[in-house]
Amino acid sequence: MRTLAPDVVERNYARAPLTRDEVEEILSAVSSPAEVLNTRHAVAKDRGWKATPPSREDLVAAALVDNNLLRRPVTLRGGRAVVGSDEGALRALLG
């Protein structure tokens, strides 16, 4: 892990799976599961989640099986999230 700011820690979930609490925290910081859904993932395609995003509960369950259903990176701070590498949004979140 790498500390990016006093209250922001990098968590590489490609190396170590996320816990239920971590997935729930991510989903609590966004307005919709669609914001963090990796629509290019085979499961998302098979289930038609690009057109009709999953419920929060369905995404939690699926992400616990395969964290790659969540887009990366996800940056959390103070109950807010930035999904992806939007430099301006990251600066605003971390600034």
PDB file of N, CA and C in Angstrom:
ATOM      1  N   MET A   1       0.835  -1.179   0.000  1.00  0.00           N
ATOM      2  CA  MET A   1       0.000   0.000   0.000  1.00  0.00           C
ATOM      3  C   MET A   1       0.878   1.239   0.000  1.00  0.00           C
ATOM      4  N   ARG A   2       0.323   2.292  -0.564  1.00  0.00           N
ATOM      5  CA  ARG A   2       1.031   3.561  -0.643  1.00  0.00           C
ATOM      6  C   ARG A   2       0.095   4.656  -0.167  1.00  0.00           C
ATOM      7  N   THR A   3       0.591   5.531   0.695  1.00  0.00           N
ATOM      8  CA  THR A   3      -0.212   6.634   1.191  1.00  0.00           C
ATOM      9  C   THR A   3      -0.133   7.791   0.208  1.00  0.00           C
ATOM     10  N   LEU A   4      -1.281   8.247  -0.270  1.00  0.00           N
ATOM     11  CA  LEU A   4      -1.348   9.328  -1.242  1.00  0.00           C
ATOM     12  C   LEU A   4      -1.625  10.669  -0.570  1.00  0.00           C
ATOM     13  N   ALA A   5      -2.279  10.636   0.550  1.00  0.00           N
ATOM     14  CA  ALA A   5      -2.603  11.801   1.372  1.00  0.00           C
ATOM     15  C   ALA A   5      -2.830  11.237   2.770  1.00  0.00           C
ATOM     16  N   PRO A   6      -2.885  12.084   3.791  1.00  0.00           N
ATOM     17  CA  PRO A   6      -3.023  11.558   5.149  1.00  0.00           C
ATOM     18  C   PRO A   6      -4.190  10.582   5.342  1.00  0.00           C
ATOM     19  N   ASP A   7      -5.278  10.779   4.618  1.00  0.00           N
ATOM     20  CA  ASP A   7      -6.438   9.906   4.782  1.00  0.00           C
ATOM     21  C   ASP A   7      -6.784   9.132   3.505  1.00  0.00           C
ATOM     22  N   VAL A   8      -5.799   8.951   2.614  1.00  0.00           N
ATOM     23  CA  VAL A   8      -5.999   8.193   1.381  1.00  0.00           C
ATOM     24  C   VAL A   8      -4.864   7.183   1.254  1.00  0.00           C
ATOM     25  N   VAL A   9      -5.220   5.910   1.137  1.00  0.00           N
ATOM     26  CA  VAL A   9      -4.234   4.849   1.027  1.00  0.00           C
ATOM     27  C   VAL A   9      -4.504   4.066  -0.246  1.00  0.00           C
ATOM     28  N   GLU A  10      -3.459   3.792  -1.002  1.00  0.00           N
ATOM     29  CA  GLU A  10      -3.613   2.990  -2.207  1.00  0.00           C
ATOM     30  C   GLU A  10      -3.819   1.534  -1.808  1.00  0.00           C
ATOM     31  N   ARG A  11      -4.816   0.909  -2.407  1.00  0.00           N
ATOM     32  CA  ARG A  11      -5.120  -0.499  -2.134  1.00  0.00           C
ATOM     33  C   ARG A  11      -5.196  -1.209  -3.469  1.00  0.00           C
ATOM     34  N   ASN A  12      -4.217  -2.058  -3.764  1.00  0.00           N
ATOM     35  CA  ASN A  12      -4.172  -2.758  -5.042  1.00  0.00           C
ATOM     36  C   ASN A  12      -5.017  -4.021  -4.953  1.00  0.00           C
ATOM     37  N   TYR A  13      -6.280  -3.924  -5.374  1.00  0.00           N
ATOM     38  CA  TYR A  13      -7.149  -5.080  -5.249  1.00  0.00           C
ATOM     39  C   TYR A  13      -6.997  -6.065  -6.395  1.00  0.00           C
ATOM     40  N   ALA A  14      -6.086  -5.789  -7.313  1.00  0.00           N
ATOM     41  CA  ALA A  14      -5.748  -6.793  -8.319  1.00  0.00           C
ATOM     42  C   ALA A  14      -4.861  -7.862  -7.682  1.00  0.00           C
ATOM     43  N   ARG A  15      -4.159  -7.502  -6.642  1.00  0.00           N
ATOM     44  CA  ARG A  15      -3.256  -8.439  -5.954  1.00  0.00           C
ATOM     45  C   ARG A  15      -3.905  -9.153  -4.776  1.00  0.00           C
ATOM     46  N   ALA A  16      -4.776  -8.456  -4.068  1.00  0.00           N
ATOM     47  CA  ALA A  16      -5.456  -9.036  -2.903  1.00  0.00           C
ATOM     48  C   ALA A  16      -6.927  -8.664  -2.992  1.00  0.00           C
ATOM     49  N   PRO A  17      -7.817  -9.632  -3.043  1.00  0.00           N
ATOM     50  CA  PRO A  17      -9.238  -9.349  -3.227  1.00  0.00           C
ATOM     51  C   PRO A  17      -9.806  -8.401  -2.173  1.00  0.00           C
ATOM     52  N   LEU A  18     -10.776  -7.625  -2.606  1.00  0.00           N
ATOM     53  CA  LEU A  18     -11.485  -6.728  -1.694  1.00  0.00           C
ATOM     54  C   LEU A  18     -12.388  -7.534  -0.763  1.00  0.00           C
ATOM     55  N   THR A  19     -12.590  -7.011   0.411  1.00  0.00           N
ATOM     56  CA  THR A  19     -13.531  -7.612   1.352  1.00  0.00           C
ATOM     57  C   THR A  19     -14.925  -7.057   1.068  1.00  0.00           C
ATOM     58  N   ARG A  20     -15.925  -7.679   1.656  1.00  0.00           N
ATOM     59  CA  ARG A  20     -17.302  -7.178   1.510  1.00  0.00           C
ATOM     60  C   ARG A  20     -17.387  -5.735   2.004  1.00  0.00           C
ATOM     61  N   ASP A  21     -16.760  -5.452   3.144  1.00  0.00           N
ATOM     62  CA  ASP A  21     -16.797  -4.085   3.686  1.00  0.00           C
ATOM     63  C   ASP A  21     -16.174  -3.084   2.720  1.00  0.00           C
ATOM     64  N   GLU A  22     -15.088  -3.465   2.062  1.00  0.00           N
ATOM     65  CA  GLU A  22     -14.437  -2.561   1.112  1.00  0.00           C
ATOM     66  C   GLU A  22     -15.314  -2.314  -0.113  1.00  0.00           C
ATOM     67  N   VAL A  23     -15.927  -3.365  -0.632  1.00  0.00           N
ATOM     68  CA  VAL A  23     -16.831  -3.203  -1.786  1.00  0.00           C
ATOM     69  C   VAL A  23     -18.016  -2.319  -1.389  1.00  0.00           C
ATOM     70  N   GLU A  24     -18.574  -2.557  -0.218  1.00  0.00           N
ATOM     71  CA  GLU A  24     -19.688  -1.739   0.273  1.00  0.00           C
ATOM     72  C   GLU A  24     -19.262  -0.275   0.422  1.00  0.00           C
ATOM     73  N   GLU A  25     -18.057  -0.034   0.924  1.00  0.00           N
ATOM     74  CA  GLU A  25     -17.567   1.338   1.082  1.00  0.00           C
ATOM     75  C   GLU A  25     -17.448   2.037  -0.270  1.00  0.00           C
ATOM     76  N   ILE A  26     -16.940   1.327  -1.265  1.00  0.00           N
ATOM     77  CA  ILE A  26     -16.814   1.890  -2.612  1.00  0.00           C
ATOM     78  C   ILE A  26     -18.204   2.251  -3.147  1.00  0.00           C
ATOM     79  N   LEU A  27     -19.140   1.326  -3.023  1.00  0.00           N
ATOM     80  CA  LEU A  27     -20.478   1.564  -3.554  1.00  0.00           C
ATOM     81  C   LEU A  27     -21.222   2.647  -2.774  1.00  0.00           C
ATOM     82  N   SER A  28     -20.884   2.830  -1.520  1.00  0.00           N
ATOM     83  CA  SER A  28     -21.508   3.899  -0.737  1.00  0.00           C
ATOM     84  C   SER A  28     -21.034   5.279  -1.171  1.00  0.00           C
ATOM     85  N   ALA A  29     -19.863   5.330  -1.809  1.00  0.00           N
ATOM     86  CA  ALA A  29     -19.272   6.611  -2.206  1.00  0.00           C
ATOM     87  C   ALA A  29     -19.692   7.055  -3.605  1.00  0.00           C
ATOM     88  N   VAL A  30     -20.458   6.234  -4.315  1.00  0.00           N
ATOM     89  CA  VAL A  30     -20.909   6.590  -5.658  1.00  0.00           C
ATOM     90  C   VAL A  30     -22.436   6.615  -5.672  1.00  0.00           C
ATOM     91  N   SER A  31     -22.997   7.284  -6.659  1.00  0.00           N
ATOM     92  CA  SER A  31     -24.462   7.396  -6.701  1.00  0.00           C
ATOM     93  C   SER A  31     -25.140   6.176  -7.307  1.00  0.00           C
ATOM     94  N   SER A  32     -24.387   5.371  -8.063  1.00  0.00           N
ATOM     95  CA  SER A  32     -24.972   4.210  -8.728  1.00  0.00           C
ATOM     96  C   SER A  32     -23.904   3.151  -8.957  1.00  0.00           C
ATOM     97  N   PRO A  33     -24.271   1.869  -8.876  1.00  0.00           N
ATOM     98  CA  PRO A  33     -23.310   0.815  -9.191  1.00  0.00           C
ATOM     99  C   PRO A  33     -22.724   0.958 -10.599  1.00  0.00           C
ATOM    100  N   ALA A  34     -23.471   1.582 -11.501  1.00  0.00           N
ATOM    101  CA  ALA A  34     -22.986   1.759 -12.870  1.00  0.00           C
ATOM    102  C   ALA A  34     -21.698   2.569 -12.926  1.00  0.00           C
ATOM    103  N   GLU A  35     -21.480   3.448 -11.952  1.00  0.00           N
ATOM    104  CA  GLU A  35     -20.271   4.282 -11.938  1.00  0.00           C
ATOM    105  C   GLU A  35     -18.991   3.477 -11.778  1.00  0.00           C
ATOM    106  N   VAL A  36     -19.061   2.341 -11.109  1.00  0.00           N
ATOM    107  CA  VAL A  36     -17.853   1.559 -10.854  1.00  0.00           C
ATOM    108  C   VAL A  36     -17.825   0.249 -11.629  1.00  0.00           C
ATOM    109  N   LEU A  37     -18.866  -0.036 -12.360  1.00  0.00           N
ATOM    110  CA  LEU A  37     -18.962  -1.289 -13.099  1.00  0.00           C
ATOM    111  C   LEU A  37     -18.042  -1.303 -14.316  1.00  0.00           C
ATOM    112  N   ASN A  38     -17.245  -2.354 -14.430  1.00  0.00           N
ATOM    113  CA  ASN A  38     -16.401  -2.568 -15.606  1.00  0.00           C
ATOM    114  C   ASN A  38     -17.254  -3.285 -16.653  1.00  0.00           C
ATOM    115  N   THR A  39     -17.815  -2.521 -17.563  1.00  0.00           N
ATOM    116  CA  THR A  39     -18.747  -3.084 -18.549  1.00  0.00           C
ATOM    117  C   THR A  39     -18.055  -3.936 -19.607  1.00  0.00           C
ATOM    118  N   ARG A  40     -16.728  -3.924 -19.623  1.00  0.00           N
ATOM    119  CA  ARG A  40     -15.994  -4.772 -20.571  1.00  0.00           C
ATOM    120  C   ARG A  40     -15.749  -6.178 -20.022  1.00  0.00           C
ATOM    121  N   HIS A  41     -16.063  -6.394 -18.758  1.00  0.00           N
ATOM    122  CA  HIS A  41     -15.873  -7.696 -18.131  1.00  0.00           C
ATOM    123  C   HIS A  41     -16.880  -8.696 -18.706  1.00  0.00           C
ATOM    124  N   ALA A  42     -16.472  -9.936 -18.886  1.00  0.00           N
ATOM    125  CA  ALA A  42     -17.332 -10.964 -19.479  1.00  0.00           C
ATOM    126  C   ALA A  42     -18.626 -11.158 -18.694  1.00  0.00           C
ATOM    127  N   VAL A  43     -18.555 -11.148 -17.378  1.00  0.00           N
ATOM    128  CA  VAL A  43     -19.769 -11.324 -16.563  1.00  0.00           C
ATOM    129  C   VAL A  43     -20.741 -10.180 -16.807  1.00  0.00           C
ATOM    130  N   ALA A  44     -20.236  -8.955 -16.849  1.00  0.00           N
ATOM    131  CA  ALA A  44     -21.100  -7.795 -17.094  1.00  0.00           C
ATOM    132  C   ALA A  44     -21.750  -7.893 -18.475  1.00  0.00           C
ATOM    133  N   LYS A  45     -20.982  -8.338 -19.450  1.00  0.00           N
ATOM    134  CA  LYS A  45     -21.538  -8.497 -20.803  1.00  0.00           C
ATOM    135  C   LYS A  45     -22.599  -9.589 -20.828  1.00  0.00           C
ATOM    136  N   ASP A  46     -22.271 -10.755 -20.227  1.00  0.00           N
ATOM    137  CA  ASP A  46     -23.208 -11.880 -20.233  1.00  0.00           C
ATOM    138  C   ASP A  46     -24.527 -11.554 -19.552  1.00  0.00           C
ATOM    139  N   ARG A  47     -24.460 -10.727 -18.533  1.00  0.00           N
ATOM    140  CA  ARG A  47     -25.669 -10.398 -17.758  1.00  0.00           C
ATOM    141  C   ARG A  47     -26.375  -9.141 -18.267  1.00  0.00           C
ATOM    142  N   GLY A  48     -25.839  -8.540 -19.336  1.00  0.00           N
ATOM    143  CA  GLY A  48     -26.474  -7.358 -19.912  1.00  0.00           C
ATOM    144  C   GLY A  48     -26.414  -6.135 -19.012  1.00  0.00           C
ATOM    145  N   TRP A  49     -25.392  -6.063 -18.172  1.00  0.00           N
ATOM    146  CA  TRP A  49     -25.299  -4.993 -17.195  1.00  0.00           C
ATOM    147  C   TRP A  49     -24.914  -3.648 -17.790  1.00  0.00           C
ATOM    148  N   LYS A  50     -24.426  -3.632 -19.012  1.00  0.00           N
ATOM    149  CA  LYS A  50     -24.123  -2.332 -19.627  1.00  0.00           C
ATOM    150  C   LYS A  50     -25.429  -1.595 -19.907  1.00  0.00           C
ATOM    151  N   ALA A  51     -26.405  -2.312 -20.434  1.00  0.00           N
ATOM    152  CA  ALA A  51     -27.706  -1.706 -20.741  1.00  0.00           C
ATOM    153  C   ALA A  51     -28.544  -1.517 -19.485  1.00  0.00           C
ATOM    154  N   THR A  52     -28.494  -2.481 -18.581  1.00  0.00           N
ATOM    155  CA  THR A  52     -29.264  -2.435 -17.339  1.00  0.00           C
ATOM    156  C   THR A  52     -28.318  -2.752 -16.189  1.00  0.00           C
ATOM    157  N   PRO A  53     -27.757  -1.727 -15.559  1.00  0.00           N
ATOM    158  CA  PRO A  53     -26.789  -1.961 -14.484  1.00  0.00           C
ATOM    159  C   PRO A  53     -27.373  -2.810 -13.356  1.00  0.00           C
ATOM    160  N   PRO A  54     -26.503  -3.550 -12.679  1.00  0.00           N
ATOM    161  CA  PRO A  54     -26.971  -4.419 -11.605  1.00  0.00           C
ATOM    162  C   PRO A  54     -27.401  -3.621 -10.378  1.00  0.00           C
ATOM    163  N   SER A  55     -28.133  -4.289  -9.509  1.00  0.00           N
ATOM    164  CA  SER A  55     -28.445  -3.683  -8.218  1.00  0.00           C
ATOM    165  C   SER A  55     -27.150  -3.657  -7.402  1.00  0.00           C
ATOM    166  N   ARG A  56     -27.168  -2.878  -6.384  1.00  0.00           N
ATOM    167  CA  ARG A  56     -26.012  -2.804  -5.487  1.00  0.00           C
ATOM    168  C   ARG A  56     -25.681  -4.196  -4.936  1.00  0.00           C
ATOM    169  N   GLU A  57     -26.699  -4.918  -4.485  1.00  0.00           N
ATOM    170  CA  GLU A  57     -26.493  -6.238  -3.902  1.00  0.00           C
ATOM    171  C   GLU A  57     -25.899  -7.209  -4.914  1.00  0.00           C
ATOM    172  N   ASP A  58     -26.396  -7.162  -6.161  1.00  0.00           N
ATOM    173  CA  ASP A  58     -25.868  -8.052  -7.190  1.00  0.00           C
ATOM    174  C   ASP A  58     -24.406  -7.730  -7.518  1.00  0.00           C
ATOM    175  N   LEU A  59     -24.071  -6.444  -7.556  1.00  0.00           N
ATOM    176  CA  LEU A  59     -22.691  -6.072  -7.853  1.00  0.00           C
ATOM    177  C   LEU A  59     -21.766  -6.445  -6.699  1.00  0.00           C
ATOM    178  N   VAL A  60     -22.204  -6.265  -5.473  1.00  0.00           N
ATOM    179  CA  VAL A  60     -21.387  -6.668  -4.323  1.00  0.00           C
ATOM    180  C   VAL A  60     -21.085  -8.158  -4.417  1.00  0.00           C
ATOM    181  N   ALA A  61     -22.109  -8.957  -4.610  1.00  0.00           N
ATOM    182  CA  ALA A  61     -21.928 -10.408  -4.680  1.00  0.00           C
ATOM    183  C   ALA A  61     -20.983 -10.800  -5.811  1.00  0.00           C
ATOM    184  N   ALA A  62     -21.170 -10.206  -6.976  1.00  0.00           N
ATOM    185  CA  ALA A  62     -20.327 -10.544  -8.124  1.00  0.00           C
ATOM    186  C   ALA A  62     -18.896 -10.055  -7.931  1.00  0.00           C
ATOM    187  N   ALA A  63     -18.719  -8.871  -7.354  1.00  0.00           N
ATOM    188  CA  ALA A  63     -17.375  -8.321  -7.143  1.00  0.00           C
ATOM    189  C   ALA A  63     -16.603  -9.118  -6.111  1.00  0.00           C
ATOM    190  N   LEU A  64     -17.297  -9.747  -5.178  1.00  0.00           N
ATOM    191  CA  LEU A  64     -16.598 -10.587  -4.210  1.00  0.00           C
ATOM    192  C   LEU A  64     -16.039 -11.843  -4.856  1.00  0.00           C
ATOM    193  N   VAL A  65     -16.647 -12.266  -5.952  1.00  0.00           N
ATOM    194  CA  VAL A  65     -16.137 -13.405  -6.709  1.00  0.00           C
ATOM    195  C   VAL A  65     -15.009 -12.957  -7.629  1.00  0.00           C
ATOM    196  N   ASP A  66     -15.156 -11.775  -8.241  1.00  0.00           N
ATOM    197  CA  ASP A  66     -14.150 -11.264  -9.173  1.00  0.00           C
ATOM    198  C   ASP A  66     -14.086  -9.745  -9.087  1.00  0.00           C
ATOM    199  N   ASN A  67     -13.036  -9.249  -8.414  1.00  0.00           N
ATOM    200  CA  ASN A  67     -12.857  -7.799  -8.244  1.00  0.00           C
ATOM    201  C   ASN A  67     -12.715  -7.057  -9.561  1.00  0.00           C
ATOM    202  N   ASN A  68     -12.402  -7.749 -10.641  1.00  0.00           N
ATOM    203  CA  ASN A  68     -12.239  -7.087 -11.928  1.00  0.00           C
ATOM    204  C   ASN A  68     -13.554  -6.554 -12.485  1.00  0.00           C
ATOM    205  N   LEU A  69     -14.660  -6.848 -11.827  1.00  0.00           N
ATOM    206  CA  LEU A  69     -15.929  -6.245 -12.217  1.00  0.00           C
ATOM    207  C   LEU A  69     -15.988  -4.769 -11.849  1.00  0.00           C
ATOM    208  N   LEU A  70     -15.061  -4.320 -11.004  1.00  0.00           N
ATOM    209  CA  LEU A  70     -14.992  -2.915 -10.623  1.00  0.00           C
ATOM    210  C   LEU A  70     -13.928  -2.226 -11.462  1.00  0.00           C
ATOM    211  N   ARG A  71     -14.269  -1.058 -11.969  1.00  0.00           N
ATOM    212  CA  ARG A  71     -13.291  -0.255 -12.719  1.00  0.00           C
ATOM    213  C   ARG A  71     -12.177   0.162 -11.781  1.00  0.00           C
ATOM    214  N   ARG A  72     -11.005   0.390 -12.362  1.00  0.00           N
ATOM    215  CA  ARG A  72      -9.857   0.834 -11.566  1.00  0.00           C
ATOM    216  C   ARG A  72      -9.261   2.068 -12.196  1.00  0.00           C
ATOM    217  N   PRO A  73      -8.605   2.841 -11.410  1.00  0.00           N
ATOM    218  CA  PRO A  73      -8.555   2.807  -9.950  1.00  0.00           C
ATOM    219  C   PRO A  73      -9.783   3.482  -9.355  1.00  0.00           C
ATOM    220  N   VAL A  74     -10.044   3.155  -8.103  1.00  0.00           N
ATOM    221  CA  VAL A  74     -11.084   3.824  -7.322  1.00  0.00           C
ATOM    222  C   VAL A  74     -10.356   4.552  -6.201  1.00  0.00           C
ATOM    223  N   THR A  75     -10.559   5.848  -6.100  1.00  0.00           N
ATOM    224  CA  THR A  75      -9.931   6.645  -5.054  1.00  0.00           C
ATOM    225  C   THR A  75     -11.029   7.154  -4.132  1.00  0.00           C
ATOM    226  N   LEU A  76     -10.909   6.822  -2.850  1.00  0.00           N
ATOM    227  CA  LEU A  76     -11.911   7.207  -1.851  1.00  0.00           C
ATOM    228  C   LEU A  76     -11.311   8.200  -0.876  1.00  0.00           C
ATOM    229  N   ARG A  77     -12.123   9.178  -0.502  1.00  0.00           N
ATOM    230  CA  ARG A  77     -11.716  10.131   0.531  1.00  0.00           C
ATOM    231  C   ARG A  77     -12.953  10.820   1.070  1.00  0.00           C
ATOM    232  N   GLY A  78     -13.125  10.753   2.364  1.00  0.00           N
ATOM    233  CA  GLY A  78     -14.234  11.457   3.006  1.00  0.00           C
ATOM    234  C   GLY A  78     -15.605  11.098   2.465  1.00  0.00           C
ATOM    235  N   GLY A  79     -15.826   9.841   2.145  1.00  0.00           N
ATOM    236  CA  GLY A  79     -17.129   9.420   1.639  1.00  0.00           C
ATOM    237  C   GLY A  79     -17.373   9.758   0.184  1.00  0.00           C
ATOM    238  N   ARG A  80     -16.348  10.286  -0.494  1.00  0.00           N
ATOM    239  CA  ARG A  80     -16.464  10.595  -1.926  1.00  0.00           C
ATOM    240  C   ARG A  80     -15.527   9.669  -2.700  1.00  0.00           C
ATOM    241  N   ALA A  81     -15.784   9.505  -3.985  1.00  0.00           N
ATOM    242  CA  ALA A  81     -14.974   8.617  -4.809  1.00  0.00           C
ATOM    243  C   ALA A  81     -14.708   9.228  -6.169  1.00  0.00           C
ATOM    244  N   VAL A  82     -13.547   8.894  -6.703  1.00  0.00           N
ATOM    245  CA  VAL A  82     -13.224   9.153  -8.099  1.00  0.00           C
ATOM    246  C   VAL A  82     -12.917   7.792  -8.701  1.00  0.00           C
ATOM    247  N   VAL A  83     -13.612   7.458  -9.774  1.00  0.00           N
ATOM    248  CA  VAL A  83     -13.407   6.183 -10.446  1.00  0.00           C
ATOM    249  C   VAL A  83     -12.702   6.462 -11.757  1.00  0.00           C
ATOM    250  N   GLY A  84     -11.583   5.810 -11.961  1.00  0.00           N
ATOM    251  CA  GLY A  84     -10.798   6.047 -13.168  1.00  0.00           C
ATOM    252  C   GLY A  84      -9.673   7.022 -12.896  1.00  0.00           C
ATOM    253  N   SER A  85      -9.049   7.479 -13.955  1.00  0.00           N
ATOM    254  CA  SER A  85      -7.845   8.311 -13.844  1.00  0.00           C
ATOM    255  C   SER A  85      -8.083   9.759 -14.256  1.00  0.00           C
ATOM    256  N   ASP A  86      -9.211  10.318 -13.864  1.00  0.00           N
ATOM    257  CA  ASP A  86      -9.535  11.698 -14.184  1.00  0.00           C
ATOM    258  C   ASP A  86      -8.678  12.611 -13.314  1.00  0.00           C
ATOM    259  N   GLU A  87      -7.621  13.159 -13.890  1.00  0.00           N
ATOM    260  CA  GLU A  87      -6.643  13.939 -13.123  1.00  0.00           C
ATOM    261  C   GLU A  87      -7.281  15.141 -12.411  1.00  0.00           C
ATOM    262  N   GLY A  88      -8.167  15.841 -13.076  1.00  0.00           N
ATOM    263  CA  GLY A  88      -8.822  16.992 -12.466  1.00  0.00           C
ATOM    264  C   GLY A  88      -9.675  16.584 -11.266  1.00  0.00           C
ATOM    265  N   ALA A  89     -10.427  15.500 -11.425  1.00  0.00           N
ATOM    266  CA  ALA A  89     -11.274  15.029 -10.318  1.00  0.00           C
ATOM    267  C   ALA A  89     -10.425  14.520  -9.173  1.00  0.00           C
ATOM    268  N   LEU A  90      -9.308  13.859  -9.481  1.00  0.00           N
ATOM    269  CA  LEU A  90      -8.403  13.401  -8.431  1.00  0.00           C
ATOM    270  C   LEU A  90      -7.771  14.563  -7.669  1.00  0.00           C
ATOM    271  N   ARG A  91      -7.358  15.589  -8.396  1.00  0.00           N
ATOM    272  CA  ARG A  91      -6.777  16.767  -7.731  1.00  0.00           C
ATOM    273  C   ARG A  91      -7.816  17.424  -6.819  1.00  0.00           C
ATOM    274  N   ALA A  92      -9.053  17.500  -7.280  1.00  0.00           N
ATOM    275  CA  ALA A  92     -10.105  18.106  -6.470  1.00  0.00           C
ATOM    276  C   ALA A  92     -10.362  17.259  -5.222  1.00  0.00           C
ATOM    277  N   LEU A  93     -10.369  15.944  -5.375  1.00  0.00           N
ATOM    278  CA  LEU A  93     -10.608  15.048  -4.252  1.00  0.00           C
ATOM    279  C   LEU A  93      -9.468  15.104  -3.240  1.00  0.00           C
ATOM    280  N   LEU A  94      -8.239  15.144  -3.735  1.00  0.00           N
ATOM    281  CA  LEU A  94      -7.068  15.090  -2.860  1.00  0.00           C
ATOM    282  C   LEU A  94      -6.583  16.461  -2.414  1.00  0.00           C
ATOM    283  N   GLY A  95      -7.074  17.529  -3.072  1.00  0.00           N
ATOM    284  CA  GLY A  95      -6.609  18.870  -2.800  1.00  0.00           C
ATOM    285  C   GLY A  95      -7.105  19.487  -1.554  1.00  0.00           C
TER     286      GLY A  95
END
